[in-house]
Each structure stands twice: as structure tokens, then as C-alpha cells.
């Protein structure tokens, strides 16, 4: 029987991930997919359940639609992976953290390193600017859909660390056909794993380039 330390968390598959010193051998994609599919975006302020896993797939599909390489799509799918054990932190809280030395950022970096190694990605995820833009685009699509009460009005104001143009953020966007807007955890988990396996299996080593 494993006796967890004070900084270890147990996962869906029974792994124990040390948040202070995460080891790649304790990280499996099934855990990442399952946990993210059960975590709600926007601190649960949504009108209906909307998971981080579904958001991650939306980002990856946006990058595919834009013609980016499988490597960038892979980054998009996995850009929030550390949240599977660190939880989703709203952007305003992240900004407050960054006013001082952010323990959360340090933990995220360590986990990204370990996750990258566990998934065979070296060096660790670089989070390409295209991924950041797709992430902001996905947030815009999600909020404009009525997922939260404000529909994202005014979210492009100074201080929110957007990388998209103000005009694009404030513009009205029609959601793409691949925006499902509230999959069940089971379906979101399945979709996440299918995209992961598609990028790994169908492209082989090509996705790394």
C-alpha cells in the first residue's frame, strides 16, 4: 500500500502525483483526460456544465482549421493539462498571483515539464503564440455563446492580457460547427482521448515537427 506524502494527490487511475516534484512515470493521459472532463471552466459560473477537456479540444480543432501542424495542434490540446491536478484558476486570480512570486506558475511549469516527458514531448510544451491566440479565440466563442451571464462583454479591456486584437475580441462571432457547448464528462473525455490518439497514431513522429 502506498502511503502518500503531504504533497501527493491521488488520480483517477490510482497514481500518486507529487505536486512539488512530479515524476513522469506517475502521469498518464487517461488521468489527464478524465480529470479535465470533470472540471468545469469559469469557476463553475457557467449556465450549464462545460469542461476543460471540451475547451482543450475546441482549441486544438481551431488550430487544425487554421492549418497549423500536428505539433501545434498537440500543444493546443494539452495546453491546460496541468490543471488536471492543479485545478482551473480564473484569469483575474492568475493576474493577482503574478503580482508576486507565483507558486501556482512554478507548479504549473514543473507539471508541464513532467507531462511533456511523460507524453514523449521534449523539450516541454512551449505554448506557441498560435496556441495562445486559439485559447483566447475559444474563450471568446464560449462566452459569446451565452455560457456565462455577461457573454464576455468588456472582457477585452486593458489588463486582461489578451493577445488578440481588441476589435476581434469585441466583435460578434458565430460559433463553429465543432463547438458543442456542453458535452457530458464522458463524451468530452472520449473526444479528448480520440484527438490525442489521432495526433499520436495517425501522424507518428511527424507531429513533433
C-alpha atoms as a PDB file:
ATOM      1  CA  UNK A   1       0.000   0.000   0.000  1.00  0.00           C
ATOM      2  CA  UNK A   2       1.313   3.403  -0.999  1.00  0.00           C
ATOM      3  CA  UNK A   3       1.254   5.980   1.778  1.00  0.00           C
ATOM      4  CA  UNK A   4       1.032   9.388   0.073  1.00  0.00           C
ATOM      5  CA  UNK A   5       3.173  12.287   1.191  1.00  0.00           C
ATOM      6  CA  UNK A   6       1.657  15.629   2.125  1.00  0.00           C
ATOM      7  CA  UNK A   7       2.191  16.967  -1.416  1.00  0.00           C
ATOM      8  CA  UNK A   8       0.873  13.979  -3.378  1.00  0.00           C
ATOM      9  CA  UNK A   9      -2.597  13.770  -4.914  1.00  0.00           C
ATOM     10  CA  UNK A  10      -4.301  10.556  -5.990  1.00  0.00           C
ATOM     11  CA  UNK A  11      -5.607  10.296  -9.530  1.00  0.00           C
ATOM     12  CA  UNK A  12      -8.456   8.510 -11.270  1.00  0.00           C
ATOM     13  CA  UNK A  13      -6.265   5.539 -12.201  1.00  0.00           C
ATOM     14  CA  UNK A  14      -4.727   5.323  -8.739  1.00  0.00           C
ATOM     15  CA  UNK A  15      -1.469   7.139  -9.433  1.00  0.00           C
ATOM     16  CA  UNK A  16       0.016   9.468  -6.828  1.00  0.00           C
ATOM     17  CA  UNK A  17       1.333  12.687  -8.351  1.00  0.00           C
ATOM     18  CA  UNK A  18       3.694  14.737  -6.235  1.00  0.00           C
ATOM     19  CA  UNK A  19       2.776  18.375  -6.870  1.00  0.00           C
ATOM     20  CA  UNK A  20       6.139  19.552  -5.551  1.00  0.00           C
ATOM     21  CA  UNK A  21       8.233  17.119  -7.569  1.00  0.00           C
ATOM     22  CA  UNK A  22       6.056  15.462 -10.243  1.00  0.00           C
ATOM     23  CA  UNK A  23       7.507  12.322 -11.787  1.00  0.00           C
ATOM     24  CA  UNK A  24       6.679  11.494 -15.434  1.00  0.00           C
ATOM     25  CA  UNK A  25       6.069   7.825 -14.590  1.00  0.00           C
ATOM     26  CA  UNK A  26       3.064   8.832 -12.446  1.00  0.00           C
ATOM     27  CA  UNK A  27       1.443  10.794 -15.264  1.00  0.00           C
ATOM     28  CA  UNK A  28      -0.872   9.046 -17.730  1.00  0.00           C
ATOM     29  CA  UNK A  29      -3.056  10.588 -20.397  1.00  0.00           C
ATOM     30  CA  UNK A  30      -6.144   8.686 -19.183  1.00  0.00           C
ATOM     31  CA  UNK A  31      -5.932  10.588 -15.905  1.00  0.00           C
ATOM     32  CA  UNK A  32      -5.493  13.913 -17.653  1.00  0.00           C
ATOM     33  CA  UNK A  33      -8.499  13.312 -19.918  1.00  0.00           C
ATOM     34  CA  UNK A  34     -10.721  12.040 -17.118  1.00  0.00           C
ATOM     35  CA  UNK A  35      -9.904  14.797 -14.646  1.00  0.00           C
ATOM     36  CA  UNK A  36     -10.216  17.609 -17.206  1.00  0.00           C
ATOM     37  CA  UNK A  37     -13.557  16.234 -18.384  1.00  0.00           C
ATOM     38  CA  UNK A  38     -14.925  16.580 -14.845  1.00  0.00           C
ATOM     39  CA  UNK A  39     -13.600  20.088 -14.164  1.00  0.00           C
ATOM     40  CA  UNK A  40     -15.860  22.999 -15.094  1.00  0.00           C
ATOM     41  CA  UNK A  41     -14.482  26.118 -16.760  1.00  0.00           C
ATOM     42  CA  UNK A  42     -15.032  29.656 -15.405  1.00  0.00           C
ATOM     43  CA  UNK A  43     -15.002  28.541 -11.755  1.00  0.00           C
ATOM     44  CA  UNK A  44     -18.391  26.920 -12.307  1.00  0.00           C
ATOM     45  CA  UNK A  45     -20.081  30.223 -13.251  1.00  0.00           C
ATOM     46  CA  UNK A  46     -21.474  28.625 -16.418  1.00  0.00           C
ATOM     47  CA  UNK A  47     -25.172  28.248 -17.157  1.00  0.00           C
ATOM     48  CA  UNK A  48     -24.526  24.587 -17.783  1.00  0.00           C
ATOM     49  CA  UNK A  49     -21.535  22.298 -17.322  1.00  0.00           C
ATOM     50  CA  UNK A  50     -18.653  22.999 -19.697  1.00  0.00           C
ATOM     51  CA  UNK A  51     -15.428  21.101 -19.115  1.00  0.00           C
ATOM     52  CA  UNK A  52     -11.771  21.966 -19.551  1.00  0.00           C
ATOM     53  CA  UNK A  53     -11.438  18.862 -21.738  1.00  0.00           C
ATOM     54  CA  UNK A  54     -14.065  20.179 -24.142  1.00  0.00           C
ATOM     55  CA  UNK A  55     -12.303  23.560 -24.210  1.00  0.00           C
ATOM     56  CA  UNK A  56      -8.967  21.865 -24.978  1.00  0.00           C
ATOM     57  CA  UNK A  57     -10.473  20.011 -27.937  1.00  0.00           C
ATOM     58  CA  UNK A  58     -12.008  23.258 -29.225  1.00  0.00           C
ATOM     59  CA  UNK A  59      -8.580  24.926 -29.144  1.00  0.00           C
ATOM     60  CA  UNK A  60      -6.947  22.010 -30.971  1.00  0.00           C
ATOM     61  CA  UNK A  61      -9.665  21.943 -33.632  1.00  0.00           C
ATOM     62  CA  UNK A  62      -9.311  25.680 -34.177  1.00  0.00           C
ATOM     63  CA  UNK A  63      -5.585  25.172 -34.829  1.00  0.00           C
ATOM     64  CA  UNK A  64      -6.365  22.321 -37.223  1.00  0.00           C
ATOM     65  CA  UNK A  65      -8.847  24.537 -39.064  1.00  0.00           C
ATOM     66  CA  UNK A  66      -6.179  27.235 -39.368  1.00  0.00           C
ATOM     67  CA  UNK A  67      -3.764  24.772 -40.947  1.00  0.00           C
ATOM     68  CA  UNK A  68      -1.222  24.536 -38.146  1.00  0.00           C
ATOM     69  CA  UNK A  69       0.969  21.459 -37.858  1.00  0.00           C
ATOM     70  CA  UNK A  70       0.025  18.433 -35.741  1.00  0.00           C
ATOM     71  CA  UNK A  71       2.711  19.559 -33.262  1.00  0.00           C
ATOM     72  CA  UNK A  72       0.922  22.866 -32.670  1.00  0.00           C
ATOM     73  CA  UNK A  73      -2.450  21.105 -32.528  1.00  0.00           C
ATOM     74  CA  UNK A  74      -0.973  18.774 -29.910  1.00  0.00           C
ATOM     75  CA  UNK A  75       0.165  21.753 -27.865  1.00  0.00           C
ATOM     76  CA  UNK A  76      -3.338  23.186 -28.150  1.00  0.00           C
ATOM     77  CA  UNK A  77      -4.965  20.002 -26.924  1.00  0.00           C
ATOM     78  CA  UNK A  78      -2.610  19.759 -23.965  1.00  0.00           C
ATOM     79  CA  UNK A  79      -2.211  23.457 -23.101  1.00  0.00           C
ATOM     80  CA  UNK A  80      -4.220  23.200 -19.872  1.00  0.00           C
ATOM     81  CA  UNK A  81      -3.075  19.711 -18.831  1.00  0.00           C
ATOM     82  CA  UNK A  82      -1.504  20.828 -15.545  1.00  0.00           C
ATOM     83  CA  UNK A  83      -4.975  21.788 -14.373  1.00  0.00           C
ATOM     84  CA  UNK A  84      -5.868  18.120 -14.089  1.00  0.00           C
ATOM     85  CA  UNK A  85      -4.283  18.214 -10.631  1.00  0.00           C
ATOM     86  CA  UNK A  86      -3.836  21.977 -10.053  1.00  0.00           C
ATOM     87  CA  UNK A  87      -7.441  22.891 -10.946  1.00  0.00           C
ATOM     88  CA  UNK A  88      -8.610  25.732 -13.177  1.00  0.00           C
ATOM     89  CA  UNK A  89      -7.607  29.185 -11.911  1.00  0.00           C
ATOM     90  CA  UNK A  90      -9.597  32.155 -13.322  1.00  0.00           C
ATOM     91  CA  UNK A  91      -7.500  34.702 -15.217  1.00  0.00           C
ATOM     92  CA  UNK A  92      -8.148  37.546 -12.745  1.00  0.00           C
ATOM     93  CA  UNK A  93      -6.780  35.376  -9.940  1.00  0.00           C
ATOM     94  CA  UNK A  94      -3.763  34.402 -12.042  1.00  0.00           C
ATOM     95  CA  UNK A  95      -3.036  38.083 -12.615  1.00  0.00           C
ATOM     96  CA  UNK A  96      -3.157  38.699  -8.869  1.00  0.00           C
ATOM     97  CA  UNK A  97      -0.802  35.788  -8.311  1.00  0.00           C
ATOM     98  CA  UNK A  98       1.678  37.248 -10.794  1.00  0.00           C
ATOM     99  CA  UNK A  99       1.963  40.487  -8.845  1.00  0.00           C
ATOM    100  CA  UNK A 100       4.117  38.433  -6.523  1.00  0.00           C
ATOM    101  CA  UNK A 101       6.170  35.279  -6.982  1.00  0.00           C
ATOM    102  CA  UNK A 102       3.558  32.823  -8.153  1.00  0.00           C
ATOM    103  CA  UNK A 103       3.667  29.411  -6.546  1.00  0.00           C
ATOM    104  CA  UNK A 104       0.947  28.346  -8.984  1.00  0.00           C
ATOM    105  CA  UNK A 105       3.056  29.317 -12.014  1.00  0.00           C
ATOM    106  CA  UNK A 106       6.039  27.446 -10.623  1.00  0.00           C
ATOM    107  CA  UNK A 107       3.953  24.334 -10.003  1.00  0.00           C
ATOM    108  CA  UNK A 108       2.457  24.600 -13.489  1.00  0.00           C
ATOM    109  CA  UNK A 109       5.919  24.768 -15.059  1.00  0.00           C
ATOM    110  CA  UNK A 110       7.074  21.689 -13.144  1.00  0.00           C
ATOM    111  CA  UNK A 111       3.975  19.764 -14.160  1.00  0.00           C
ATOM    112  CA  UNK A 112       4.251  20.857 -17.789  1.00  0.00           C
ATOM    113  CA  UNK A 113       7.821  19.569 -17.793  1.00  0.00           C
ATOM    114  CA  UNK A 114       6.780  16.220 -16.322  1.00  0.00           C
ATOM    115  CA  UNK A 115       3.723  15.893 -18.576  1.00  0.00           C
ATOM    116  CA  UNK A 116       5.823  16.682 -21.641  1.00  0.00           C
ATOM    117  CA  UNK A 117       8.300  13.983 -20.704  1.00  0.00           C
ATOM    118  CA  UNK A 118       5.513  11.512 -19.913  1.00  0.00           C
ATOM    119  CA  UNK A 119       3.932  12.098 -23.332  1.00  0.00           C
ATOM    120  CA  UNK A 120       7.261  11.984 -25.137  1.00  0.00           C
ATOM    121  CA  UNK A 121       7.470  15.701 -25.851  1.00  0.00           C
ATOM    122  CA  UNK A 122      10.890  17.257 -25.364  1.00  0.00           C
ATOM    123  CA  UNK A 123      11.550  19.998 -24.596  1.00  0.00           C
ATOM    124  CA  UNK A 124       8.421  20.717 -22.610  1.00  0.00           C
ATOM    125  CA  UNK A 125       5.381  22.353 -24.175  1.00  0.00           C
ATOM    126  CA  UNK A 126       6.411  25.760 -25.468  1.00  0.00           C
ATOM    127  CA  UNK A 127       2.838  27.050 -25.783  1.00  0.00           C
ATOM    128  CA  UNK A 128       3.240  28.620 -29.197  1.00  0.00           C
ATOM    129  CA  UNK A 129       1.701  32.082 -29.775  1.00  0.00           C
ATOM    130  CA  UNK A 130      -0.771  30.386 -32.116  1.00  0.00           C
ATOM    131  CA  UNK A 131      -1.987  28.311 -29.170  1.00  0.00           C
ATOM    132  CA  UNK A 132      -2.426  31.429 -27.047  1.00  0.00           C
ATOM    133  CA  UNK A 133      -4.434  33.082 -29.821  1.00  0.00           C
ATOM    134  CA  UNK A 134      -6.589  29.962 -30.270  1.00  0.00           C
ATOM    135  CA  UNK A 135      -7.123  29.831 -26.500  1.00  0.00           C
ATOM    136  CA  UNK A 136      -8.363  33.441 -26.485  1.00  0.00           C
ATOM    137  CA  UNK A 137     -10.495  32.764 -29.562  1.00  0.00           C
ATOM    138  CA  UNK A 138     -12.074  29.759 -27.813  1.00  0.00           C
ATOM    139  CA  UNK A 139     -12.793  31.851 -24.735  1.00  0.00           C
ATOM    140  CA  UNK A 140     -14.486  34.413 -26.970  1.00  0.00           C
ATOM    141  CA  UNK A 141     -16.622  31.754 -28.672  1.00  0.00           C
ATOM    142  CA  UNK A 142     -17.558  30.211 -25.323  1.00  0.00           C
ATOM    143  CA  UNK A 143     -18.567  33.467 -23.661  1.00  0.00           C
ATOM    144  CA  UNK A 144     -20.402  34.839 -26.712  1.00  0.00           C
ATOM    145  CA  UNK A 145     -22.471  31.654 -26.768  1.00  0.00           C
ATOM    146  CA  UNK A 146     -24.164  32.722 -23.546  1.00  0.00           C
ATOM    147  CA  UNK A 147     -22.261  30.262 -21.401  1.00  0.00           C
ATOM    148  CA  UNK A 148     -21.861  32.919 -18.700  1.00  0.00           C
ATOM    149  CA  UNK A 149     -24.227  35.810 -17.843  1.00  0.00           C
ATOM    150  CA  UNK A 150     -22.163  38.702 -19.290  1.00  0.00           C
ATOM    151  CA  UNK A 151     -21.468  36.883 -22.568  1.00  0.00           C
ATOM    152  CA  UNK A 152     -17.923  38.201 -22.173  1.00  0.00           C
ATOM    153  CA  UNK A 153     -18.901  41.840 -22.728  1.00  0.00           C
ATOM    154  CA  UNK A 154     -15.957  44.122 -21.952  1.00  0.00           C
ATOM    155  CA  UNK A 155     -13.573  41.243 -21.319  1.00  0.00           C
ATOM    156  CA  UNK A 156     -11.121  42.721 -23.815  1.00  0.00           C
ATOM    157  CA  UNK A 157     -10.463  45.680 -21.515  1.00  0.00           C
ATOM    158  CA  UNK A 158      -6.924  46.612 -20.594  1.00  0.00           C
ATOM    159  CA  UNK A 159      -5.343  44.365 -18.013  1.00  0.00           C
ATOM    160  CA  UNK A 160      -6.837  41.064 -19.163  1.00  0.00           C
ATOM    161  CA  UNK A 161      -3.686  40.049 -21.040  1.00  0.00           C
ATOM    162  CA  UNK A 162      -5.344  39.367 -24.388  1.00  0.00           C
ATOM    163  CA  UNK A 163      -3.181  38.574 -27.392  1.00  0.00           C
ATOM    164  CA  UNK A 164      -5.953  39.008 -29.962  1.00  0.00           C
ATOM    165  CA  UNK A 165      -6.817  42.421 -31.365  1.00  0.00           C
ATOM    166  CA  UNK A 166      -9.355  44.447 -29.382  1.00  0.00           C
ATOM    167  CA  UNK A 167     -11.659  44.719 -32.391  1.00  0.00           C
ATOM    168  CA  UNK A 168     -11.677  40.955 -32.844  1.00  0.00           C
ATOM    169  CA  UNK A 169     -12.383  40.364 -29.174  1.00  0.00           C
ATOM    170  CA  UNK A 170     -15.310  42.757 -29.130  1.00  0.00           C
ATOM    171  CA  UNK A 171     -16.749  41.570 -32.436  1.00  0.00           C
ATOM    172  CA  UNK A 172     -19.641  39.158 -32.661  1.00  0.00           C
ATOM    173  CA  UNK A 173     -18.580  35.632 -33.645  1.00  0.00           C
ATOM    174  CA  UNK A 174     -20.631  32.790 -34.960  1.00  0.00           C
ATOM    175  CA  UNK A 175     -19.570  29.580 -33.224  1.00  0.00           C
ATOM    176  CA  UNK A 176     -18.036  26.930 -35.491  1.00  0.00           C
ATOM    177  CA  UNK A 177     -19.826  23.667 -36.193  1.00  0.00           C
ATOM    178  CA  UNK A 178     -17.349  21.811 -33.952  1.00  0.00           C
ATOM    179  CA  UNK A 179     -18.301  23.867 -30.878  1.00  0.00           C
ATOM    180  CA  UNK A 180     -20.530  21.515 -28.876  1.00  0.00           C
ATOM    181  CA  UNK A 181     -21.263  23.861 -25.942  1.00  0.00           C
ATOM    182  CA  UNK A 182     -21.653  21.454 -23.064  1.00  0.00           C
ATOM    183  CA  UNK A 183     -20.729  17.835 -23.648  1.00  0.00           C
ATOM    184  CA  UNK A 184     -21.163  15.382 -20.810  1.00  0.00           C
ATOM    185  CA  UNK A 185     -17.934  14.492 -18.994  1.00  0.00           C
ATOM    186  CA  UNK A 186     -17.958  11.035 -20.592  1.00  0.00           C
ATOM    187  CA  UNK A 187     -18.251  12.419 -24.133  1.00  0.00           C
ATOM    188  CA  UNK A 188     -15.683  15.163 -23.500  1.00  0.00           C
ATOM    189  CA  UNK A 189     -13.204  12.626 -22.141  1.00  0.00           C
ATOM    190  CA  UNK A 190     -13.730  10.364 -25.140  1.00  0.00           C
ATOM    191  CA  UNK A 191     -13.307  13.240 -27.612  1.00  0.00           C
ATOM    192  CA  UNK A 192     -10.130  14.413 -25.877  1.00  0.00           C
ATOM    193  CA  UNK A 193      -8.578  10.930 -25.977  1.00  0.00           C
ATOM    194  CA  UNK A 194      -9.599  10.386 -29.595  1.00  0.00           C
ATOM    195  CA  UNK A 195      -7.901  13.616 -30.647  1.00  0.00           C
ATOM    196  CA  UNK A 196      -4.798  12.768 -28.621  1.00  0.00           C
ATOM    197  CA  UNK A 197      -4.581   9.313 -30.184  1.00  0.00           C
ATOM    198  CA  UNK A 198      -5.271  10.724 -33.655  1.00  0.00           C
ATOM    199  CA  UNK A 199      -2.347  13.133 -33.380  1.00  0.00           C
ATOM    200  CA  UNK A 200      -0.028  10.474 -31.971  1.00  0.00           C
ATOM    201  CA  UNK A 201      -1.051   7.453 -34.072  1.00  0.00           C
ATOM    202  CA  UNK A 202      -2.057   8.888 -37.421  1.00  0.00           C
ATOM    203  CA  UNK A 203       0.902  11.228 -37.716  1.00  0.00           C
ATOM    204  CA  UNK A 204       3.563   9.154 -35.966  1.00  0.00           C
ATOM    205  CA  UNK A 205       6.724  11.187 -35.465  1.00  0.00           C
ATOM    206  CA  UNK A 206       5.529  13.844 -37.913  1.00  0.00           C
ATOM    207  CA  UNK A 207       3.531  15.649 -35.229  1.00  0.00           C
ATOM    208  CA  UNK A 208       6.762  16.574 -33.463  1.00  0.00           C
ATOM    209  CA  UNK A 209       7.984  18.696 -36.371  1.00  0.00           C
END
